[in-house]
C-alpha atoms as a PDB file:
ATOM      1  CA  MET A   1     -66.743-126.695  82.062  1.00  0.00           C
ATOM      2  CA  MET A   2     -69.724-128.524  80.556  1.00  0.00           C
ATOM      3  CA  TRP A   3     -68.805-131.872  78.989  1.00  0.00           C
ATOM      4  CA  THR A   4     -71.045-133.321  76.267  1.00  0.00           C
ATOM      5  CA  GLU A   5     -70.843-137.049  75.566  1.00  0.00           C
ATOM      6  CA  ILE A   6     -70.323-137.950  71.903  1.00  0.00           C
ATOM      7  CA  THR A   7     -70.194-141.719  72.273  1.00  0.00           C
ATOM      8  CA  ASN A   8     -69.664-144.458  74.862  1.00  0.00           C
ATOM      9  CA  GLY A   9     -68.877-148.156  74.996  1.00  0.00           C
ATOM     10  CA  LEU A  10     -65.310-147.664  73.715  1.00  0.00           C
ATOM     11  CA  ALA A  11     -62.457-149.978  74.741  1.00  0.00           C
ATOM     12  CA  PHE A  12     -60.017-147.795  76.717  1.00  0.00           C
ATOM     13  CA  PRO A  13     -59.923-145.017  74.079  1.00  0.00           C
ATOM     14  CA  GLU A  14     -56.893-142.757  73.644  1.00  0.00           C
ATOM     15  CA  GLY A  15     -55.065-140.668  71.038  1.00  0.00           C
ATOM     16  CA  PRO A  16     -57.901-138.580  69.488  1.00  0.00           C
ATOM     17  CA  VAL A  17     -57.237-136.807  66.181  1.00  0.00           C
ATOM     18  CA  VAL A  18     -59.910-134.352  64.991  1.00  0.00           C
ATOM     19  CA  LEU A  19     -60.591-134.316  61.241  1.00  0.00           C
ATOM     20  CA  ASP A  20     -61.891-131.427  59.155  1.00  0.00           C
ATOM     21  CA  ASP A  21     -65.358-132.955  58.852  1.00  0.00           C
ATOM     22  CA  GLY A  22     -65.787-132.997  62.635  1.00  0.00           C
ATOM     23  CA  SER A  23     -65.231-136.725  63.019  1.00  0.00           C
ATOM     24  CA  VAL A  24     -62.587-138.023  65.412  1.00  0.00           C
ATOM     25  CA  LEU A  25     -60.137-140.865  64.946  1.00  0.00           C
ATOM     26  CA  LEU A  26     -59.144-142.562  68.183  1.00  0.00           C
ATOM     27  CA  CYS A  27     -57.392-145.693  69.377  1.00  0.00           C
ATOM     28  CA  GLU A  28     -59.213-148.510  71.131  1.00  0.00           C
ATOM     29  CA  ILE A  29     -56.133-149.980  72.731  1.00  0.00           C
ATOM     30  CA  PRO A  30     -57.320-153.462  73.860  1.00  0.00           C
ATOM     31  CA  ASN A  31     -58.962-154.014  70.466  1.00  0.00           C
ATOM     32  CA  GLY A  32     -55.823-153.198  68.485  1.00  0.00           C
ATOM     33  CA  ALA A  33     -57.894-150.828  66.365  1.00  0.00           C
ATOM     34  CA  ILE A  34     -58.313-147.229  65.230  1.00  0.00           C
ATOM     35  CA  THR A  35     -61.965-146.186  65.286  1.00  0.00           C
ATOM     36  CA  ARG A  36     -63.648-143.290  63.488  1.00  0.00           C
ATOM     37  CA  VAL A  37     -66.291-141.515  65.588  1.00  0.00           C
ATOM     38  CA  ARG A  38     -68.685-139.376  63.541  1.00  0.00           C
ATOM     39  CA  ALA A  39     -70.017-136.060  64.776  1.00  0.00           C
ATOM     40  CA  ASP A  40     -73.352-137.738  65.582  1.00  0.00           C
ATOM     41  CA  GLY A  41     -71.628-140.437  67.673  1.00  0.00           C
ATOM     42  CA  ALA A  42     -71.829-143.212  65.073  1.00  0.00           C
ATOM     43  CA  ARG A  43     -68.575-145.114  64.711  1.00  0.00           C
ATOM     44  CA  ASP A  44     -66.826-147.603  62.472  1.00  0.00           C
ATOM     45  CA  LEU A  45     -63.491-149.374  62.192  1.00  0.00           C
ATOM     46  CA  PHE A  46     -60.905-147.229  60.405  1.00  0.00           C
ATOM     47  CA  ALA A  47     -57.830-149.459  60.657  1.00  0.00           C
ATOM     48  CA  ALA A  48     -56.806-152.701  62.359  1.00  0.00           C
ATOM     49  CA  THR A  49     -53.298-152.086  63.708  1.00  0.00           C
ATOM     50  CA  GLY A  50     -52.994-155.060  66.041  1.00  0.00           C
ATOM     51  CA  GLY A  51     -51.075-154.702  69.285  1.00  0.00           C
ATOM     52  CA  GLY A  52     -52.076-151.634  71.285  1.00  0.00           C
ATOM     53  CA  PRO A  53     -52.374-148.350  69.333  1.00  0.00           C
ATOM     54  CA  ASN A  54     -51.961-145.538  71.838  1.00  0.00           C
ATOM     55  CA  GLY A  55     -51.102-142.049  70.529  1.00  0.00           C
ATOM     56  CA  MET A  56     -51.458-140.661  66.993  1.00  0.00           C
ATOM     57  CA  ALA A  57     -50.500-137.651  64.907  1.00  0.00           C
ATOM     58  CA  LEU A  58     -51.774-136.795  61.426  1.00  0.00           C
ATOM     59  CA  SER A  59     -49.452-135.304  58.826  1.00  0.00           C
ATOM     60  CA  ALA A  60     -50.456-132.646  56.305  1.00  0.00           C
ATOM     61  CA  ASP A  61     -49.995-135.164  53.482  1.00  0.00           C
ATOM     62  CA  GLY A  62     -52.502-137.627  54.915  1.00  0.00           C
ATOM     63  CA  PHE A  63     -50.623-140.196  57.000  1.00  0.00           C
ATOM     64  CA  LEU A  64     -51.318-141.132  60.600  1.00  0.00           C
ATOM     65  CA  TYR A  65     -48.217-141.877  62.648  1.00  0.00           C
ATOM     66  CA  VAL A  66     -49.182-144.259  65.428  1.00  0.00           C
ATOM     67  CA  CYS A  67     -47.463-145.160  68.691  1.00  0.00           C
ATOM     68  CA  ASN A  68     -48.248-148.832  69.294  1.00  0.00           C
ATOM     69  CA  ASN A  69     -47.451-150.179  72.778  1.00  0.00           C
ATOM     70  CA  GLY A  70     -47.677-153.801  71.647  1.00  0.00           C
ATOM     71  CA  GLY A  71     -50.861-154.599  73.565  1.00  0.00           C
ATOM     72  CA  ILE A  72     -52.317-154.325  77.066  1.00  0.00           C
ATOM     73  CA  THR A  73     -54.315-156.376  79.530  1.00  0.00           C
ATOM     74  CA  THR A  74     -57.359-154.899  81.265  1.00  0.00           C
ATOM     75  CA  ARG A  75     -59.654-155.737  84.127  1.00  0.00           C
ATOM     76  CA  THR A  76     -62.883-154.224  85.430  1.00  0.00           C
ATOM     77  CA  TRP A  77     -63.272-152.697  88.883  1.00  0.00           C
ATOM     78  CA  GLN A  78     -66.461-150.954  90.045  1.00  0.00           C
ATOM     79  CA  GLY A  79     -67.470-150.198  86.477  1.00  0.00           C
ATOM     80  CA  LEU A  80     -64.060-148.851  85.437  1.00  0.00           C
ATOM     81  CA  THR A  81     -61.618-150.413  82.995  1.00  0.00           C
ATOM     82  CA  LEU A  82     -58.124-150.655  84.501  1.00  0.00           C
ATOM     83  CA  VAL A  83     -54.910-151.329  82.594  1.00  0.00           C
ATOM     84  CA  GLY A  84     -52.841-154.283  83.763  1.00  0.00           C
ATOM     85  CA  PRO A  85     -49.352-155.639  83.001  1.00  0.00           C
ATOM     86  CA  ALA A  86     -48.062-156.710  79.615  1.00  0.00           C
ATOM     87  CA  PRO A  87     -50.095-159.533  78.043  1.00  0.00           C
ATOM     88  CA  GLU A  88     -48.737-163.023  77.579  1.00  0.00           C
ATOM     89  CA  GLY A  89     -46.648-163.173  74.444  1.00  0.00           C
ATOM     90  CA  TRP A  90     -45.961-159.427  74.400  1.00  0.00           C
ATOM     91  CA  VAL A  91     -42.731-158.729  72.496  1.00  0.00           C
ATOM     92  CA  GLY A  92     -42.529-154.921  72.373  1.00  0.00           C
ATOM     93  CA  GLY A  93     -44.006-151.930  70.617  1.00  0.00           C
ATOM     94  CA  CYS A  94     -43.484-150.039  67.388  1.00  0.00           C
ATOM     95  CA  ILE A  95     -44.255-146.955  65.328  1.00  0.00           C
ATOM     96  CA  GLN A  96     -46.757-147.505  62.531  1.00  0.00           C
ATOM     97  CA  ARG A  97     -47.849-145.400  59.566  1.00  0.00           C
ATOM     98  CA  VAL A  98     -51.452-145.509  58.361  1.00  0.00           C
ATOM     99  CA  ALA A  99     -52.730-143.965  55.117  1.00  0.00           C
ATOM    100  CA  LEU A 100     -55.728-141.736  55.860  1.00  0.00           C
ATOM    101  CA  ALA A 101     -57.229-142.399  52.435  1.00  0.00           C
ATOM    102  CA  THR A 102     -57.168-146.205  52.644  1.00  0.00           C
ATOM    103  CA  GLY A 103     -56.483-147.282  56.230  1.00  0.00           C
ATOM    104  CA  LYS A 104     -53.469-149.296  55.053  1.00  0.00           C
ATOM    105  CA  VAL A 105     -51.091-150.006  57.966  1.00  0.00           C
ATOM    106  CA  GLU A 106     -47.321-150.346  57.704  1.00  0.00           C
ATOM    107  CA  ARG A 107     -44.703-150.867  60.394  1.00  0.00           C
ATOM    108  CA  LEU A 108     -42.170-148.026  60.355  1.00  0.00           C
ATOM    109  CA  TYR A 109     -39.883-148.636  63.383  1.00  0.00           C
ATOM    110  CA  ASP A 110     -39.579-151.227  66.127  1.00  0.00           C
ATOM    111  CA  ALA A 111     -36.222-149.989  67.440  1.00  0.00           C
ATOM    112  CA  ALA A 112     -34.200-146.804  67.745  1.00  0.00           C
ATOM    113  CA  GLY A 113     -30.801-147.976  66.591  1.00  0.00           C
ATOM    114  CA  ASP A 114     -29.941-150.786  68.998  1.00  0.00           C
ATOM    115  CA  VAL A 115     -32.602-149.710  71.546  1.00  0.00           C
ATOM    116  CA  PRO A 116     -35.804-151.779  71.199  1.00  0.00           C
ATOM    117  CA  LEU A 117     -39.045-149.830  71.475  1.00  0.00           C
ATOM    118  CA  ARG A 118     -40.956-151.033  74.518  1.00  0.00           C
ATOM    119  CA  ALA A 119     -44.291-149.209  74.589  1.00  0.00           C
ATOM    120  CA  PRO A 120     -44.413-146.064  72.416  1.00  0.00           C
ATOM    121  CA  ASN A 121     -47.086-143.814  73.846  1.00  0.00           C
ATOM    122  CA  ASP A 122     -47.524-140.300  72.461  1.00  0.00           C
ATOM    123  CA  ILE A 123     -46.258-138.405  69.422  1.00  0.00           C
ATOM    124  CA  VAL A 124     -45.993-134.943  67.863  1.00  0.00           C
ATOM    125  CA  LEU A 125     -44.912-134.060  64.319  1.00  0.00           C
ATOM    126  CA  ASP A 126     -42.420-131.270  63.655  1.00  0.00           C
ATOM    127  CA  SER A 127     -42.006-129.089  60.527  1.00  0.00           C
ATOM    128  CA  HIS A 128     -38.775-130.788  59.460  1.00  0.00           C
ATOM    129  CA  GLY A 129     -40.068-134.131  58.235  1.00  0.00           C
ATOM    130  CA  GLY A 130     -39.847-135.884  61.581  1.00  0.00           C
ATOM    131  CA  PHE A 131     -41.607-136.582  64.843  1.00  0.00           C
ATOM    132  CA  TRP A 132     -40.856-136.767  68.548  1.00  0.00           C
ATOM    133  CA  PHE A 133     -42.361-139.546  70.627  1.00  0.00           C
ATOM    134  CA  THR A 134     -42.308-140.971  74.136  1.00  0.00           C
ATOM    135  CA  ASP A 135     -41.991-144.566  75.275  1.00  0.00           C
ATOM    136  CA  ASN A 136     -43.915-145.196  78.487  1.00  0.00           C
ATOM    137  CA  GLY A 137     -42.373-148.632  79.049  1.00  0.00           C
ATOM    138  CA  LYS A 138     -43.999-151.755  80.430  1.00  0.00           C
ATOM    139  CA  ILE A 139     -44.398-153.397  83.807  1.00  0.00           C
ATOM    140  CA  VAL A 140     -43.432-157.067  83.669  1.00  0.00           C
ATOM    141  CA  GLY A 141     -43.834-158.812  86.997  1.00  0.00           C
ATOM    142  CA  ARG A 142     -42.099-156.563  89.552  1.00  0.00           C
ATOM    143  CA  GLN A 143     -39.955-154.821  86.983  1.00  0.00           C
ATOM    144  CA  ARG A 144     -40.728-151.511  85.261  1.00  0.00           C
ATOM    145  CA  ASP A 145     -38.856-150.105  82.291  1.00  0.00           C
ATOM    146  CA  LEU A 146     -36.803-146.954  82.302  1.00  0.00           C
ATOM    147  CA  THR A 147     -37.369-145.345  78.920  1.00  0.00           C
ATOM    148  CA  GLY A 148     -36.954-141.982  77.219  1.00  0.00           C
ATOM    149  CA  ILE A 149     -37.705-139.542  74.426  1.00  0.00           C
ATOM    150  CA  PHE A 150     -37.164-140.486  70.782  1.00  0.00           C
ATOM    151  CA  TYR A 151     -37.012-138.844  67.374  1.00  0.00           C
ATOM    152  CA  GLY A 152     -37.942-140.476  64.067  1.00  0.00           C
ATOM    153  CA  ARG A 153     -37.995-139.461  60.422  1.00  0.00           C
ATOM    154  CA  CYS A 154     -41.355-139.741  58.663  1.00  0.00           C
ATOM    155  CA  ASP A 155     -39.753-141.429  55.651  1.00  0.00           C
ATOM    156  CA  GLY A 156     -38.540-144.374  57.743  1.00  0.00           C
ATOM    157  CA  SER A 157     -34.847-143.505  57.355  1.00  0.00           C
ATOM    158  CA  GLU A 158     -33.895-142.900  60.996  1.00  0.00           C
ATOM    159  CA  CYS A 159     -35.125-143.411  64.541  1.00  0.00           C
ATOM    160  CA  ARG A 160     -32.982-142.677  67.601  1.00  0.00           C
ATOM    161  CA  GLU A 161     -33.136-142.168  71.330  1.00  0.00           C
ATOM    162  CA  VAL A 162     -32.563-138.518  72.282  1.00  0.00           C
ATOM    163  CA  MET A 163     -33.103-138.429  76.053  1.00  0.00           C
ATOM    164  CA  PHE A 164     -32.650-141.192  78.686  1.00  0.00           C
ATOM    165  CA  PRO A 165     -33.690-141.976  81.381  1.00  0.00           C
ATOM    166  CA  MET A 166     -37.219-140.854  82.221  1.00  0.00           C
ATOM    167  CA  GLU A 167     -39.909-142.281  84.514  1.00  0.00           C
ATOM    168  CA  GLY A 168     -42.834-143.259  82.325  1.00  0.00           C
ATOM    169  CA  PRO A 169     -42.751-140.392  79.792  1.00  0.00           C
ATOM    170  CA  ASN A 170     -46.151-139.886  78.242  1.00  0.00           C
ATOM    171  CA  GLY A 171     -47.606-136.634  76.848  1.00  0.00           C
ATOM    172  CA  ILE A 172     -45.440-134.613  74.447  1.00  0.00           C
ATOM    173  CA  GLY A 173     -45.858-131.313  72.584  1.00  0.00           C
ATOM    174  CA  PHE A 174     -44.174-128.135  71.334  1.00  0.00           C
ATOM    175  CA  SER A 175     -44.260-124.554  72.508  1.00  0.00           C
ATOM    176  CA  PRO A 176     -45.975-122.292  69.930  1.00  0.00           C
ATOM    177  CA  ASP A 177     -42.621-121.135  68.497  1.00  0.00           C
ATOM    178  CA  GLY A 178     -41.433-124.742  68.149  1.00  0.00           C
ATOM    179  CA  ARG A 179     -38.276-124.064  70.166  1.00  0.00           C
ATOM    180  CA  GLN A 180     -39.220-126.028  73.281  1.00  0.00           C
ATOM    181  CA  LEU A 181     -40.510-129.536  73.884  1.00  0.00           C
ATOM    182  CA  TYR A 182     -42.801-130.393  76.803  1.00  0.00           C
ATOM    183  CA  VAL A 183     -42.935-133.927  78.191  1.00  0.00           C
ATOM    184  CA  ALA A 184     -45.183-135.208  80.986  1.00  0.00           C
ATOM    185  CA  GLU A 185     -44.273-138.206  83.149  1.00  0.00           C
ATOM    186  CA  THR A 186     -47.100-140.438  84.338  1.00  0.00           C
ATOM    187  CA  PRO A 187     -46.063-141.936  87.712  1.00  0.00           C
ATOM    188  CA  SER A 188     -44.258-138.840  89.011  1.00  0.00           C
ATOM    189  CA  GLY A 189     -46.845-136.367  87.736  1.00  0.00           C
ATOM    190  CA  ALA A 190     -43.994-134.150  86.535  1.00  0.00           C
ATOM    191  CA  LEU A 191     -43.923-131.743  83.590  1.00  0.00           C
ATOM    192  CA  TRP A 192     -40.541-131.202  81.916  1.00  0.00           C
ATOM    193  CA  ARG A 193     -39.386-128.610  79.398  1.00  0.00           C
ATOM    194  CA  PHE A 194     -36.509-129.163  76.976  1.00  0.00           C
ATOM    195  CA  ASP A 195     -34.870-126.660  74.641  1.00  0.00           C
ATOM    196  CA  ILE A 196     -34.716-127.904  71.050  1.00  0.00           C
ATOM    197  CA  ASP A 197     -31.225-127.313  69.718  1.00  0.00           C
ATOM    198  CA  ALA A 198     -31.895-128.456  66.132  1.00  0.00           C
ATOM    199  CA  PRO A 199     -34.344-130.852  64.433  1.00  0.00           C
ATOM    200  CA  GLY A 200     -34.214-134.016  66.518  1.00  0.00           C
ATOM    201  CA  ARG A 201     -31.714-132.542  69.013  1.00  0.00           C
ATOM    202  CA  LEU A 202     -32.193-131.341  72.595  1.00  0.00           C
ATOM    203  CA  ALA A 203     -29.932-128.949  74.491  1.00  0.00           C
ATOM    204  CA  LEU A 204     -29.641-131.016  77.674  1.00  0.00           C
ATOM    205  CA  ARG A 205     -28.242-129.801  80.990  1.00  0.00           C
ATOM    206  CA  PRO A 206     -26.696-131.594  83.993  1.00  0.00           C
ATOM    207  CA  GLY A 207     -29.235-132.842  86.525  1.00  0.00           C
ATOM    208  CA  VAL A 208     -30.147-135.662  88.879  1.00  0.00           C
ATOM    209  CA  ARG A 209     -30.924-137.809  85.824  1.00  0.00           C
ATOM    210  CA  ARG A 210     -27.558-137.344  84.162  1.00  0.00           C
ATOM    211  CA  MET A 211     -28.216-134.858  81.350  1.00  0.00           C
ATOM    212  CA  THR A 212     -31.804-133.669  81.429  1.00  0.00           C
ATOM    213  CA  GLY A 213     -34.267-130.817  80.906  1.00  0.00           C
ATOM    214  CA  GLU A 214     -35.975-128.359  83.236  1.00  0.00           C
ATOM    215  CA  TRP A 215     -38.652-129.553  85.643  1.00  0.00           C
ATOM    216  CA  ILE A 216     -41.390-126.890  85.674  1.00  0.00           C
ATOM    217  CA  ALA A 217     -44.508-128.352  87.326  1.00  0.00           C
ATOM    218  CA  ARG A 218     -45.930-131.279  89.236  1.00  0.00           C
ATOM    219  CA  GLY A 219     -49.462-132.601  89.611  1.00  0.00           C
ATOM    220  CA  GLY A 220     -51.417-132.440  92.820  1.00  0.00           C
ATOM    221  CA  VAL A 221     -52.063-135.231  95.304  1.00  0.00           C
ATOM    222  CA  GLU A 222     -52.951-138.483  93.518  1.00  0.00           C
ATOM    223  CA  GLN A 223     -52.673-136.824  90.128  1.00  0.00           C
ATOM    224  CA  GLY A 224     -50.616-138.548  87.446  1.00  0.00           C
ATOM    225  CA  PHE A 225     -50.067-137.055  84.004  1.00  0.00           C
ATOM    226  CA  ASP A 226     -51.098-138.612  80.701  1.00  0.00           C
ATOM    227  CA  SER A 227     -51.248-136.938  77.281  1.00  0.00           C
ATOM    228  CA  LEU A 228     -50.909-133.189  76.694  1.00  0.00           C
ATOM    229  CA  LYS A 229     -51.750-130.519  74.148  1.00  0.00           C
ATOM    230  CA  VAL A 230     -50.607-126.906  73.970  1.00  0.00           C
ATOM    231  CA  GLU A 231     -52.800-123.844  73.511  1.00  0.00           C
ATOM    232  CA  ALA A 232     -52.051-121.231  70.833  1.00  0.00           C
ATOM    233  CA  GLY A 233     -51.075-118.820  73.614  1.00  0.00           C
ATOM    234  CA  GLY A 234     -48.606-121.279  75.150  1.00  0.00           C
ATOM    235  CA  ASN A 235     -50.470-122.858  78.066  1.00  0.00           C
ATOM    236  CA  ILE A 236     -49.944-126.595  78.496  1.00  0.00           C
ATOM    237  CA  CYS A 237     -53.081-128.723  78.969  1.00  0.00           C
ATOM    238  CA  ILE A 238     -52.545-132.167  80.505  1.00  0.00           C
ATOM    239  CA  ALA A 239     -55.058-134.994  80.865  1.00  0.00           C
ATOM    240  CA  THR A 240     -54.773-136.310  84.422  1.00  0.00           C
ATOM    241  CA  LEU A 241     -55.148-139.661  86.148  1.00  0.00           C
ATOM    242  CA  GLY A 242     -56.421-140.311  89.655  1.00  0.00           C
ATOM    243  CA  ARG A 243     -57.843-136.842  90.077  1.00  0.00           C
ATOM    244  CA  GLY A 244     -59.281-137.025  86.589  1.00  0.00           C
ATOM    245  CA  GLY A 245     -59.593-133.926  84.443  1.00  0.00           C
ATOM    246  CA  VAL A 246     -57.554-131.462  82.418  1.00  0.00           C
ATOM    247  CA  GLN A 247     -54.856-129.523  84.278  1.00  0.00           C
ATOM    248  CA  VAL A 248     -53.682-126.276  82.653  1.00  0.00           C
ATOM    249  CA  PHE A 249     -50.247-124.783  83.307  1.00  0.00           C
ATOM    250  CA  ALA A 250     -48.714-121.524  82.089  1.00  0.00           C
ATOM    251  CA  PRO A 251     -45.368-121.864  80.269  1.00  0.00           C
ATOM    252  CA  ASP A 252     -43.518-121.086  83.515  1.00  0.00           C
ATOM    253  CA  GLY A 253     -45.291-123.946  85.306  1.00  0.00           C
ATOM    254  CA  THR A 254     -47.841-121.847  87.192  1.00  0.00           C
ATOM    255  CA  ALA A 255     -51.166-123.653  87.585  1.00  0.00           C
ATOM    256  CA  VAL A 256     -53.840-121.783  85.590  1.00  0.00           C
ATOM    257  CA  ALA A 257     -56.944-123.967  85.937  1.00  0.00           C
ATOM    258  CA  PHE A 258     -58.217-127.476  86.516  1.00  0.00           C
ATOM    259  CA  HIS A 259     -61.289-128.779  84.705  1.00  0.00           C
ATOM    260  CA  PRO A 260     -62.499-132.001  86.373  1.00  0.00           C
ATOM    261  CA  THR A 261     -64.245-134.901  84.701  1.00  0.00           C
ATOM    262  CA  ASP A 262     -66.076-137.812  86.304  1.00  0.00           C
ATOM    263  CA  ASP A 263     -63.474-140.369  85.154  1.00  0.00           C
ATOM    264  CA  PRO A 264     -60.223-141.018  87.060  1.00  0.00           C
ATOM    265  CA  PHE A 265     -58.635-142.201  83.814  1.00  0.00           C
ATOM    266  CA  THR A 266     -58.878-139.014  81.769  1.00  0.00           C
ATOM    267  CA  THR A 267     -56.160-139.775  79.271  1.00  0.00           C
ATOM    268  CA  ASN A 268     -56.032-137.613  76.130  1.00  0.00           C
ATOM    269  CA  LEU A 269     -57.315-134.416  74.573  1.00  0.00           C
ATOM    270  CA  ALA A 270     -57.344-132.785  71.155  1.00  0.00           C
ATOM    271  CA  PHE A 271     -58.426-129.400  69.817  1.00  0.00           C
ATOM    272  CA  GLY A 272     -60.638-129.041  66.757  1.00  0.00           C
ATOM    273  CA  GLY A 273     -63.311-126.925  65.116  1.00  0.00           C
ATOM    274  CA  SER A 274     -62.866-123.902  62.874  1.00  0.00           C
ATOM    275  CA  ASP A 275     -61.530-121.803  65.758  1.00  0.00           C
ATOM    276  CA  LEU A 276     -59.688-124.696  67.509  1.00  0.00           C
ATOM    277  CA  ARG A 277     -61.743-124.111  70.646  1.00  0.00           C
ATOM    278  CA  ASP A 278     -63.596-127.434  70.598  1.00  0.00           C
ATOM    279  CA  VAL A 279     -61.738-129.774  72.945  1.00  0.00           C
ATOM    280  CA  TYR A 280     -62.259-133.536  72.696  1.00  0.00           C
ATOM    281  CA  VAL A 281     -61.302-135.691  75.677  1.00  0.00           C
ATOM    282  CA  THR A 282     -61.045-139.460  76.062  1.00  0.00           C
ATOM    283  CA  LEU A 283     -62.449-140.838  79.326  1.00  0.00           C
ATOM    284  CA  SER A 284     -60.786-144.218  79.178  1.00  0.00           C
ATOM    285  CA  GLY A 285     -61.955-145.783  82.428  1.00  0.00           C
ATOM    286  CA  THR A 286     -65.586-145.436  81.380  1.00  0.00           C
ATOM    287  CA  GLY A 287     -64.992-145.781  77.623  1.00  0.00           C
ATOM    288  CA  ARG A 288     -66.346-142.414  76.477  1.00  0.00           C
ATOM    289  CA  LEU A 289     -65.447-139.539  74.164  1.00  0.00           C
ATOM    290  CA  VAL A 290     -66.642-136.122  75.340  1.00  0.00           C
ATOM    291  CA  ARG A 291     -66.440-132.567  74.025  1.00  0.00           C
ATOM    292  CA  ALA A 292     -66.545-129.046  75.448  1.00  0.00           C
ATOM    293  CA  ARG A 293     -65.925-125.462  74.391  1.00  0.00           C
ATOM    294  CA  TRP A 294     -62.507-124.328  75.619  1.00  0.00           C
ATOM    295  CA  ASP A 295     -61.663-120.856  76.916  1.00  0.00           C
ATOM    296  CA  ARG A 296     -58.828-120.382  74.423  1.00  0.00           C
ATOM    297  CA  PRO A 297     -57.834-121.893  71.035  1.00  0.00           C
ATOM    298  CA  GLY A 298     -55.473-124.825  70.793  1.00  0.00           C
ATOM    299  CA  LEU A 299     -52.173-124.720  68.953  1.00  0.00           C
ATOM    300  CA  ARG A 300     -52.588-125.544  65.263  1.00  0.00           C
ATOM    301  CA  LEU A 301     -51.100-128.943  64.377  1.00  0.00           C
ATOM    302  CA  ALA A 302     -49.569-130.185  61.113  1.00  0.00           C
ATOM    303  CA  HIS A 303     -52.875-131.250  59.533  1.00  0.00           C
ATOM    304  CA  GLN A 304     -55.027-128.343  60.712  1.00  0.00           C
END
């Protein structure tokens, strides 16, 4: 896989969304900002969200739904940017909605019923006027959150916790038929599959974590999982940490391929282009956005 750099000097970029004109919107988490990166690498501020924008999804009617983790601390080690614990004064995360036409930001949810949102991370829109999202939690001192999977309505009318507990849930996406939900956990490097019973409902089964889904794959040695996207044919593509790259699994969990990068904090990917075979990847440790031609097309999302 040949990676081509589009731009560098980004502040721990994540959450890329590819637009029709070939530009990419992405989050610069420490800056509390969404940045537009043009096809030629030029970039400008698209929206100031505050906090720590993390994952994004664009609706067909022109709104970005943003997972905001409330902010992060960073430090530099051997030329890499590392994420630290919650910053001083951190009070929690939220879901935001941003108008694509104007960049106007509004706060949609900061809790799911009586469950406060800690650090919303990644998000996928469904075809029923709602979205699924993960909450990766925060580390505060020696304590780390147990969090879960959530469902929200795009109109701001409802947000609720659907699955608890999970260990640092991160990447999230649908199978091509929309009947299954994939969720990747970061610290365990585990990929889970859940059957969707109805819009916003999972058909859970008994397991070691109370009621749960089906564990189908795990990363290799020193390989944590970050964001994921699904191919049109059903393969699951996961950005990996530690052993940085993109790990591809078949729907049954069989490892298909691994495409390495030179960044141990390879965090997110997105498919774009007319044939959905251009893959854009955020290399967060080194602050870059790169692109390559993928072997197979990605699954078409709500705005594509």
